[in-house]
Amino acid sequence: MTISSLSLSNFRNHLKRKFTFSLNTTIIIGKNTSGKTNLIEAIYFLSIGKSNRAGQDVQVITFGEELARIKGELKAEGENIVLEMVLTTGEVMGIKTPLKKFTVNDVSRRSLDFIGTLKSVLFWPEHMELVTDSPSLRRHYLDSVLVQVDREYRRTILSYERALRQRNRLLEYIKENKAHRHQLLFWDQLLIRQGNYITKIREEYINFINDFKLPQMEDLGVKYQVFYDKSIISITRLDQYREAEIGASVTLIGPQRDDMIFRIKKNEEYFDLSNYGSRGEQRLAVLWLKLAELAFIESKTSEEPVLLLDDIFSELDHEHREIIFGMIGNQQSIVTVTDRHLIPERYYKEAKVIELD
């Protein structure tokens, strides 16, 4: 599936714009304040149903406006599909409205049935910190991939997060002697069932990553591994942490505490890449991860995802750029750069070029 056009209304600095894309490669050139990243964010919004940048989706609405629209026209085996999201502040013209509305071909859809229609792989500068940044960034990364390929995962993660909020509230009531401990049983069983499914699907993806081979790594004699540091949730462990959870009013175990740790093999042993890897080795690991992600989505859906490369070339040295250049053109690719010269001229010959002021 490919995206042929994107229309934006009141989305960050794009008050009313329409962009059309090549079915192969589109290169978007512009300075840092021109809205390149906002355009990429909007496309990815259509894939995962939320912003990859904003703490709250309402933050993408142009200041002073009440709603924003993102509309994408897709092509899939001769079929035309129109995805549209309407984001609001919660009130439009004095009338209370949903914060988000999803439609497919002008028919309202639940987020569950909207997300994953357009599959995409995003690679932007923040991903360079996946190795060294906080576990929450890595958990968000895992979810952004898996919601696109597994409908049951989408349903389960939403349900789990709602149940987690309810259980945490109940823990607080118990601490304040406003509720009884036996009321935890329902939420415990729900979280165990849903949490185990989330763990299972995350583990499958991480196993796929570890089996993925990148020729450039083998040429350099570099081998990486992703260790899944999973927080198992079970009756036994919940009982074990019961007093601490009531004291903190927070659920202390479960997939919301998961992490994925990058490791590098040196002298026949694996070491934590964040502590023992050079900056170049850490960046190569992220490239390996992104290529594995492309392959994973295609293997799960039999569709080539759209590749979104947002201003990453300035973060990479020549050798690592060449790996990325090898990705361009294998599927629809939409690439942003601040400096035209960061991409070799040969890629411009068959690409559509959009210049933003």
Protein backbone atom coordinates (compact mmCIF):
# COMPACT_ATOMS: atom_id res chain seq x y z
CA MET A 1 0.00 0.00 0.00
CA THR A 2 1.22 3.49 -0.83
CA ILE A 3 0.14 7.02 0.05
CA SER A 4 -0.46 9.23 -2.97
CA SER A 5 -1.44 12.47 -1.21
CA LEU A 6 -1.74 14.10 2.17
CA SER A 7 -4.02 17.03 3.03
CA LEU A 8 -3.53 18.96 6.26
CA SER A 9 -5.71 21.58 7.92
CA ASN A 10 -4.60 23.39 11.08
CA PHE A 11 -1.96 20.76 11.74
CA ARG A 12 0.91 22.52 13.51
CA ASN A 13 2.28 25.09 11.02
CA HIS A 14 0.33 23.69 8.05
CA LEU A 15 -2.87 25.73 7.99
CA LYS A 16 -4.11 24.32 4.69
CA ARG A 17 -1.74 22.29 2.53
CA LYS A 18 -1.90 19.36 0.17
CA PHE A 19 1.12 17.26 -0.75
CA THR A 20 1.35 14.62 -3.44
CA PHE A 21 3.94 11.86 -3.36
CA SER A 22 5.72 9.64 -5.82
CA LEU A 23 4.86 5.97 -5.48
CA ASN A 24 8.62 5.41 -5.30
CA THR A 25 10.70 8.16 -3.68
CA THR A 26 9.80 11.66 -2.54
CA ILE A 27 12.47 13.97 -1.14
CA ILE A 28 11.33 16.94 0.93
CA ILE A 29 13.88 19.75 1.34
CA GLY A 30 13.52 22.63 3.76
CA LYS A 31 15.01 24.43 6.71
CA ASN A 32 14.33 23.29 10.26
CA THR A 33 11.23 25.48 10.75
CA SER A 34 9.60 24.73 7.39
CA GLY A 35 7.34 21.90 8.62
CA LYS A 36 9.12 18.83 7.20
CA THR A 37 8.91 16.91 10.44
CA ASN A 38 5.28 17.95 10.91
CA LEU A 39 4.46 16.43 7.51
CA ILE A 40 6.14 13.14 8.44
CA GLU A 41 4.40 13.19 11.82
CA ALA A 42 1.03 13.53 10.09
CA ILE A 43 1.66 10.50 7.86
CA TYR A 44 2.73 8.41 10.85
CA PHE A 45 -0.37 9.66 12.69
CA LEU A 46 -2.44 7.86 10.05
CA SER A 47 -0.51 4.64 10.75
CA ILE A 48 -0.64 4.47 14.55
CA GLY A 49 -3.53 6.81 15.37
CA LYS A 50 -1.54 9.20 17.54
CA SER A 51 1.43 11.53 17.51
CA ASN A 52 4.95 10.18 17.83
CA ARG A 53 6.09 13.57 19.16
CA ALA A 54 3.39 15.28 21.22
CA GLY A 55 2.69 14.39 24.81
CA GLN A 56 -0.99 14.95 24.03
CA ASP A 57 -2.47 14.77 20.54
CA VAL A 58 -4.30 18.07 21.05
CA GLN A 59 -0.90 19.79 20.90
CA VAL A 60 -0.71 19.28 17.13
CA ILE A 61 -3.71 21.56 16.53
CA THR A 62 -2.58 24.97 15.31
CA PHE A 63 -2.62 27.48 18.17
CA GLY A 64 -5.95 29.29 18.41
CA GLU A 65 -7.84 26.69 16.33
CA GLU A 66 -10.40 24.16 17.58
CA LEU A 67 -9.73 21.28 15.24
CA ALA A 68 -7.21 19.82 12.82
CA ARG A 69 -7.62 17.41 9.92
CA ILE A 70 -5.27 14.84 8.44
CA LYS A 71 -6.42 13.21 5.21
CA GLY A 72 -4.44 10.62 3.29
CA GLU A 73 -5.29 9.10 -0.07
CA LEU A 74 -3.92 5.57 -0.41
CA LYS A 75 -3.55 3.12 -3.26
CA ALA A 76 -3.67 -0.63 -2.72
CA GLU A 77 -3.80 -3.07 -5.65
CA GLY A 78 -5.97 -0.77 -7.76
CA GLU A 79 -8.18 0.20 -4.84
CA ASN A 80 -8.37 3.78 -3.56
CA ILE A 81 -8.69 4.25 0.18
CA VAL A 82 -9.15 7.58 1.96
CA LEU A 83 -8.11 7.79 5.61
CA GLU A 84 -9.08 10.85 7.63
CA MET A 85 -8.55 11.90 11.22
CA VAL A 86 -10.20 14.88 12.86
CA LEU A 87 -8.54 16.09 16.06
CA THR A 88 -10.31 18.56 18.32
CA THR A 89 -9.73 20.44 21.56
CA GLY A 90 -12.87 18.78 22.94
CA GLU A 91 -15.12 21.64 21.99
CA VAL A 92 -15.96 23.06 18.56
CA MET A 93 -18.13 26.17 18.21
CA GLY A 94 -19.26 25.74 21.79
CA ILE A 95 -20.32 22.13 21.33
CA LYS A 96 -18.55 19.27 23.10
CA THR A 97 -16.92 16.91 20.60
CA PRO A 98 -14.76 13.78 20.71
CA LEU A 99 -11.03 14.50 20.81
CA LYS A 100 -10.48 12.22 17.81
CA LYS A 101 -12.62 10.93 14.99
CA PHE A 102 -11.49 8.32 12.45
CA THR A 103 -13.00 7.66 9.03
CA VAL A 104 -12.19 5.28 6.18
CA ASN A 105 -13.76 6.26 2.86
CA ASP A 106 -15.99 8.71 4.75
CA VAL A 107 -17.32 5.98 7.05
CA SER A 108 -16.67 6.34 10.78
CA ARG A 109 -14.37 3.73 12.26
CA ARG A 110 -13.09 2.89 15.71
CA SER A 111 -9.40 3.49 16.24
CA LEU A 112 -9.08 -0.29 16.50
CA ASP A 113 -10.19 -0.67 12.88
CA PHE A 114 -8.37 2.41 11.58
CA ILE A 115 -4.85 1.88 12.90
CA GLY A 116 -2.66 -0.28 10.72
CA THR A 117 -4.52 0.40 7.46
CA LEU A 118 -1.46 2.35 6.33
CA LYS A 119 1.71 0.56 7.42
CA SER A 120 4.82 2.66 7.80
CA VAL A 121 8.28 2.60 9.33
CA LEU A 122 9.47 5.85 10.85
CA PHE A 123 13.15 6.64 11.33
CA TRP A 124 13.82 10.02 12.93
CA PRO A 125 16.60 11.48 15.11
CA GLU A 126 14.99 10.46 18.42
CA HIS A 127 15.37 6.82 17.40
CA MET A 128 19.13 7.29 17.64
CA GLU A 129 18.57 7.35 21.39
CA LEU A 130 16.70 4.02 21.53
CA VAL A 131 19.84 2.29 22.83
CA THR A 132 20.60 4.77 25.61
CA ASP A 133 17.34 6.52 26.50
CA SER A 134 14.66 5.48 29.01
CA PRO A 135 12.73 2.17 28.88
CA SER A 136 9.51 4.08 28.14
CA LEU A 137 10.90 5.14 24.75
CA ARG A 138 11.64 1.52 23.88
CA ARG A 139 8.20 0.35 25.03
CA HIS A 140 6.56 3.04 22.89
CA TYR A 141 8.68 1.88 19.99
CA LEU A 142 7.55 -1.73 20.40
CA ASP A 143 3.90 -0.69 20.53
CA SER A 144 4.18 1.57 17.47
CA VAL A 145 5.32 -1.42 15.42
CA LEU A 146 3.00 -4.07 16.82
CA VAL A 147 -0.26 -2.08 16.69
CA GLN A 148 0.20 -1.84 12.92
CA VAL A 149 0.37 -5.59 12.33
CA ASP A 150 -1.77 -7.21 15.02
CA ARG A 151 -5.38 -6.17 15.60
CA GLU A 152 -5.63 -8.23 18.78
CA TYR A 153 -2.54 -6.48 20.13
CA ARG A 154 -4.21 -3.12 19.43
CA ARG A 155 -7.31 -4.20 21.33
CA THR A 156 -5.37 -5.73 24.19
CA ILE A 157 -2.97 -2.84 24.77
CA LEU A 158 -5.88 -0.37 24.95
CA SER A 159 -7.81 -2.59 27.33
CA TYR A 160 -4.73 -3.26 29.45
CA GLU A 161 -3.99 0.46 29.84
CA ARG A 162 -7.58 1.15 30.93
CA ALA A 163 -7.52 -1.73 33.41
CA LEU A 164 -4.16 -0.57 34.75
CA ARG A 165 -5.55 2.88 35.50
CA GLN A 166 -8.54 1.34 37.28
CA ARG A 167 -6.33 -0.98 39.35
CA ASN A 168 -4.00 1.85 40.34
CA ARG A 169 -6.99 3.89 41.48
CA LEU A 170 -8.25 0.93 43.50
CA LEU A 171 -4.83 0.52 45.13
CA GLU A 172 -5.05 4.14 46.25
CA TYR A 173 -8.54 3.57 47.69
CA ILE A 174 -7.29 0.52 49.57
CA LYS A 175 -4.40 2.54 50.98
CA GLU A 176 -6.91 5.14 52.20
CA ASN A 177 -9.19 2.38 53.63
CA LYS A 178 -11.92 3.25 51.15
CA ALA A 179 -11.94 -0.18 49.44
CA HIS A 180 -11.23 -3.84 50.29
CA ARG A 181 -8.33 -5.93 49.02
CA HIS A 182 -10.58 -8.65 47.61
CA GLN A 183 -11.72 -6.13 44.98
CA LEU A 184 -8.29 -6.48 43.34
CA LEU A 185 -9.05 -10.05 42.20
CA PHE A 186 -11.03 -9.03 39.10
CA TRP A 187 -8.39 -6.54 37.94
CA ASP A 188 -5.55 -8.95 38.75
CA GLN A 189 -7.05 -11.65 36.54
CA LEU A 190 -7.75 -9.19 33.72
CA LEU A 191 -4.21 -7.77 33.78
CA ILE A 192 -2.66 -11.24 33.87
CA ARG A 193 -4.63 -12.41 30.83
CA GLN A 194 -4.00 -9.29 28.80
CA GLY A 195 -0.44 -8.76 30.02
CA ASN A 196 0.59 -12.26 29.02
CA TYR A 197 -0.67 -11.68 25.48
CA ILE A 198 1.26 -8.40 25.22
CA THR A 199 4.41 -10.14 26.47
CA LYS A 200 3.97 -12.99 23.99
CA ILE A 201 3.65 -10.69 20.96
CA ARG A 202 6.52 -8.45 22.05
CA GLU A 203 8.71 -11.51 22.51
CA GLU A 204 7.87 -12.78 19.02
CA TYR A 205 8.97 -9.47 17.52
CA ILE A 206 12.19 -9.36 19.51
CA ASN A 207 12.99 -12.92 18.44
CA PHE A 208 12.48 -11.82 14.82
CA ILE A 209 14.90 -8.93 15.33
CA ASN A 210 17.54 -11.25 16.76
CA ASP A 211 17.21 -13.59 13.78
CA PHE A 212 17.54 -10.74 11.28
CA LYS A 213 20.88 -10.54 9.48
CA LEU A 214 22.37 -7.30 8.18
CA PRO A 215 25.18 -8.00 5.67
CA GLN A 216 27.08 -4.83 6.63
CA MET A 217 27.26 -6.06 10.22
CA GLU A 218 28.66 -9.39 9.16
CA ASP A 219 31.23 -7.64 6.96
CA LEU A 220 32.35 -5.62 9.97
CA GLY A 221 32.30 -8.64 12.26
CA VAL A 222 29.70 -6.95 14.50
CA LYS A 223 26.92 -8.92 16.18
CA TYR A 224 24.05 -7.46 18.17
CA GLN A 225 21.35 -8.95 20.34
CA VAL A 226 18.20 -7.49 21.84
CA PHE A 227 17.45 -8.88 25.30
CA TYR A 228 13.80 -8.76 26.30
CA ASP A 229 13.74 -7.75 29.96
CA LYS A 230 10.11 -8.67 30.52
CA SER A 231 8.19 -7.99 33.69
CA ILE A 232 6.12 -11.14 34.08
CA ILE A 233 2.71 -10.63 35.62
CA SER A 234 1.19 -13.56 37.56
CA ILE A 235 -0.83 -14.26 40.69
CA THR A 236 2.34 -15.27 42.54
CA ARG A 237 4.19 -12.07 41.65
CA LEU A 238 1.16 -9.86 42.34
CA ASP A 239 0.89 -11.44 45.80
CA GLN A 240 4.61 -10.89 46.29
CA TYR A 241 4.34 -7.16 45.49
CA ARG A 242 0.92 -6.57 47.10
CA GLU A 243 2.04 -4.51 50.10
CA ALA A 244 4.50 -2.43 48.08
CA GLU A 245 1.83 -1.73 45.43
CA ILE A 246 -0.71 -0.59 48.03
CA GLY A 247 1.93 1.61 49.63
CA ALA A 248 2.83 3.20 46.29
CA SER A 249 -0.72 3.09 44.82
CA VAL A 250 0.88 1.81 41.60
CA THR A 251 1.03 -1.57 39.85
CA LEU A 252 4.72 -2.48 39.99
CA ILE A 253 4.84 -5.43 37.58
CA GLY A 254 3.56 -6.14 34.09
CA PRO A 255 4.38 -5.09 30.52
CA GLN A 256 4.24 -1.40 31.47
CA ARG A 257 7.59 -2.17 33.17
CA ASP A 258 9.15 -4.06 30.23
CA ASP A 259 12.40 -3.07 28.61
CA MET A 260 14.48 -4.17 25.63
CA ILE A 261 18.24 -3.99 26.11
CA PHE A 262 20.66 -3.79 23.20
CA ARG A 263 23.77 -5.91 23.53
CA ILE A 264 26.97 -6.18 21.49
CA LYS A 265 29.17 -9.24 21.22
CA LYS A 266 32.82 -8.71 22.15
CA ASN A 267 35.32 -11.46 22.89
CA GLU A 268 32.59 -14.12 22.64
CA GLU A 269 30.45 -12.38 25.30
CA TYR A 270 27.51 -10.00 25.05
CA PHE A 271 27.74 -6.63 26.79
CA ASP A 272 25.22 -3.83 27.32
CA LEU A 273 25.59 -1.64 24.24
CA SER A 274 24.62 1.54 26.10
CA ASN A 275 27.63 1.13 28.38
CA TYR A 276 30.19 -0.68 26.23
CA GLY A 277 29.43 0.41 22.67
CA SER A 278 30.79 3.39 20.81
CA ARG A 279 28.41 5.98 19.37
CA GLY A 280 28.97 4.48 15.92
CA GLU A 281 28.18 0.97 17.17
CA GLN A 282 25.00 2.24 18.84
CA ARG A 283 23.86 3.91 15.63
CA LEU A 284 24.56 0.79 13.57
CA ALA A 285 22.40 -1.16 16.02
CA VAL A 286 19.51 1.24 15.40
CA LEU A 287 19.94 0.83 11.63
CA TRP A 288 19.83 -2.95 12.12
CA LEU A 289 16.64 -2.53 14.17
CA LYS A 290 14.96 -0.38 11.50
CA LEU A 291 15.79 -2.79 8.69
CA ALA A 292 14.45 -5.64 10.82
CA GLU A 293 11.27 -3.61 11.41
CA LEU A 294 10.74 -3.18 7.67
CA ALA A 295 11.17 -6.92 7.14
CA PHE A 296 8.92 -7.78 10.10
CA ILE A 297 5.97 -5.68 8.96
CA GLU A 298 6.20 -7.09 5.45
CA SER A 299 6.44 -10.66 6.74
CA LYS A 300 3.39 -10.20 8.97
CA THR A 301 1.14 -8.35 6.52
CA SER A 302 2.47 -9.21 3.04
CA GLU A 303 2.57 -5.44 2.45
CA GLU A 304 5.57 -3.21 1.98
CA PRO A 305 5.37 -0.43 4.57
CA VAL A 306 6.03 3.17 3.61
CA LEU A 307 9.50 4.22 4.74
CA LEU A 308 9.56 7.62 6.47
CA LEU A 309 13.06 9.05 6.92
CA ASP A 310 12.97 12.31 8.81
CA ASP A 311 16.18 14.34 8.72
CA ILE A 312 18.45 11.52 9.85
CA PHE A 313 21.34 11.93 7.40
CA SER A 314 22.91 14.74 9.40
CA GLU A 315 23.08 12.28 12.33
CA LEU A 316 25.02 9.64 10.40
CA ASP A 317 28.52 9.23 8.99
CA HIS A 318 29.14 8.31 5.35
CA GLU A 319 29.22 4.55 5.95
CA HIS A 320 25.92 4.52 7.81
CA ARG A 321 24.29 6.81 5.25
CA GLU A 322 25.10 4.26 2.56
CA ILE A 323 23.11 1.64 4.48
CA ILE A 324 20.11 3.99 4.51
CA PHE A 325 20.51 4.80 0.82
CA GLY A 326 20.26 1.07 0.21
CA MET A 327 16.80 1.13 1.85
CA ILE A 328 15.47 3.92 -0.38
CA GLY A 329 13.62 2.72 -3.44
CA ASN A 330 12.91 -0.80 -2.18
CA GLN A 331 9.47 0.48 -1.14
CA GLN A 332 7.74 3.85 -1.19
CA SER A 333 10.09 6.20 0.63
CA ILE A 334 9.44 9.74 1.86
CA VAL A 335 12.63 11.46 2.94
CA THR A 336 13.27 14.86 4.50
CA VAL A 337 16.56 16.78 4.53
CA THR A 338 17.69 20.28 5.42
CA ASP A 339 20.57 20.21 2.94
CA ARG A 340 20.11 18.85 -0.58
CA HIS A 341 23.75 17.72 -0.68
CA LEU A 342 23.21 15.17 2.09
CA ILE A 343 21.63 12.88 -0.54
CA PRO A 344 23.65 11.89 -3.64
CA GLU A 345 22.41 13.42 -6.90
CA ARG A 346 21.63 10.02 -8.39
CA TYR A 347 18.64 9.68 -6.05
CA TYR A 348 17.09 12.92 -7.30
CA LYS A 349 16.85 11.71 -10.91
CA GLU A 350 13.86 9.46 -10.28
CA ALA A 351 12.52 11.11 -7.14
CA LYS A 352 9.82 13.71 -6.72
CA VAL A 353 11.24 16.75 -4.92
CA ILE A 354 9.17 19.01 -2.66
CA GLU A 355 10.77 22.22 -1.41
CA LEU A 356 9.30 23.88 1.67
CA ASP A 357 9.90 27.54 2.47
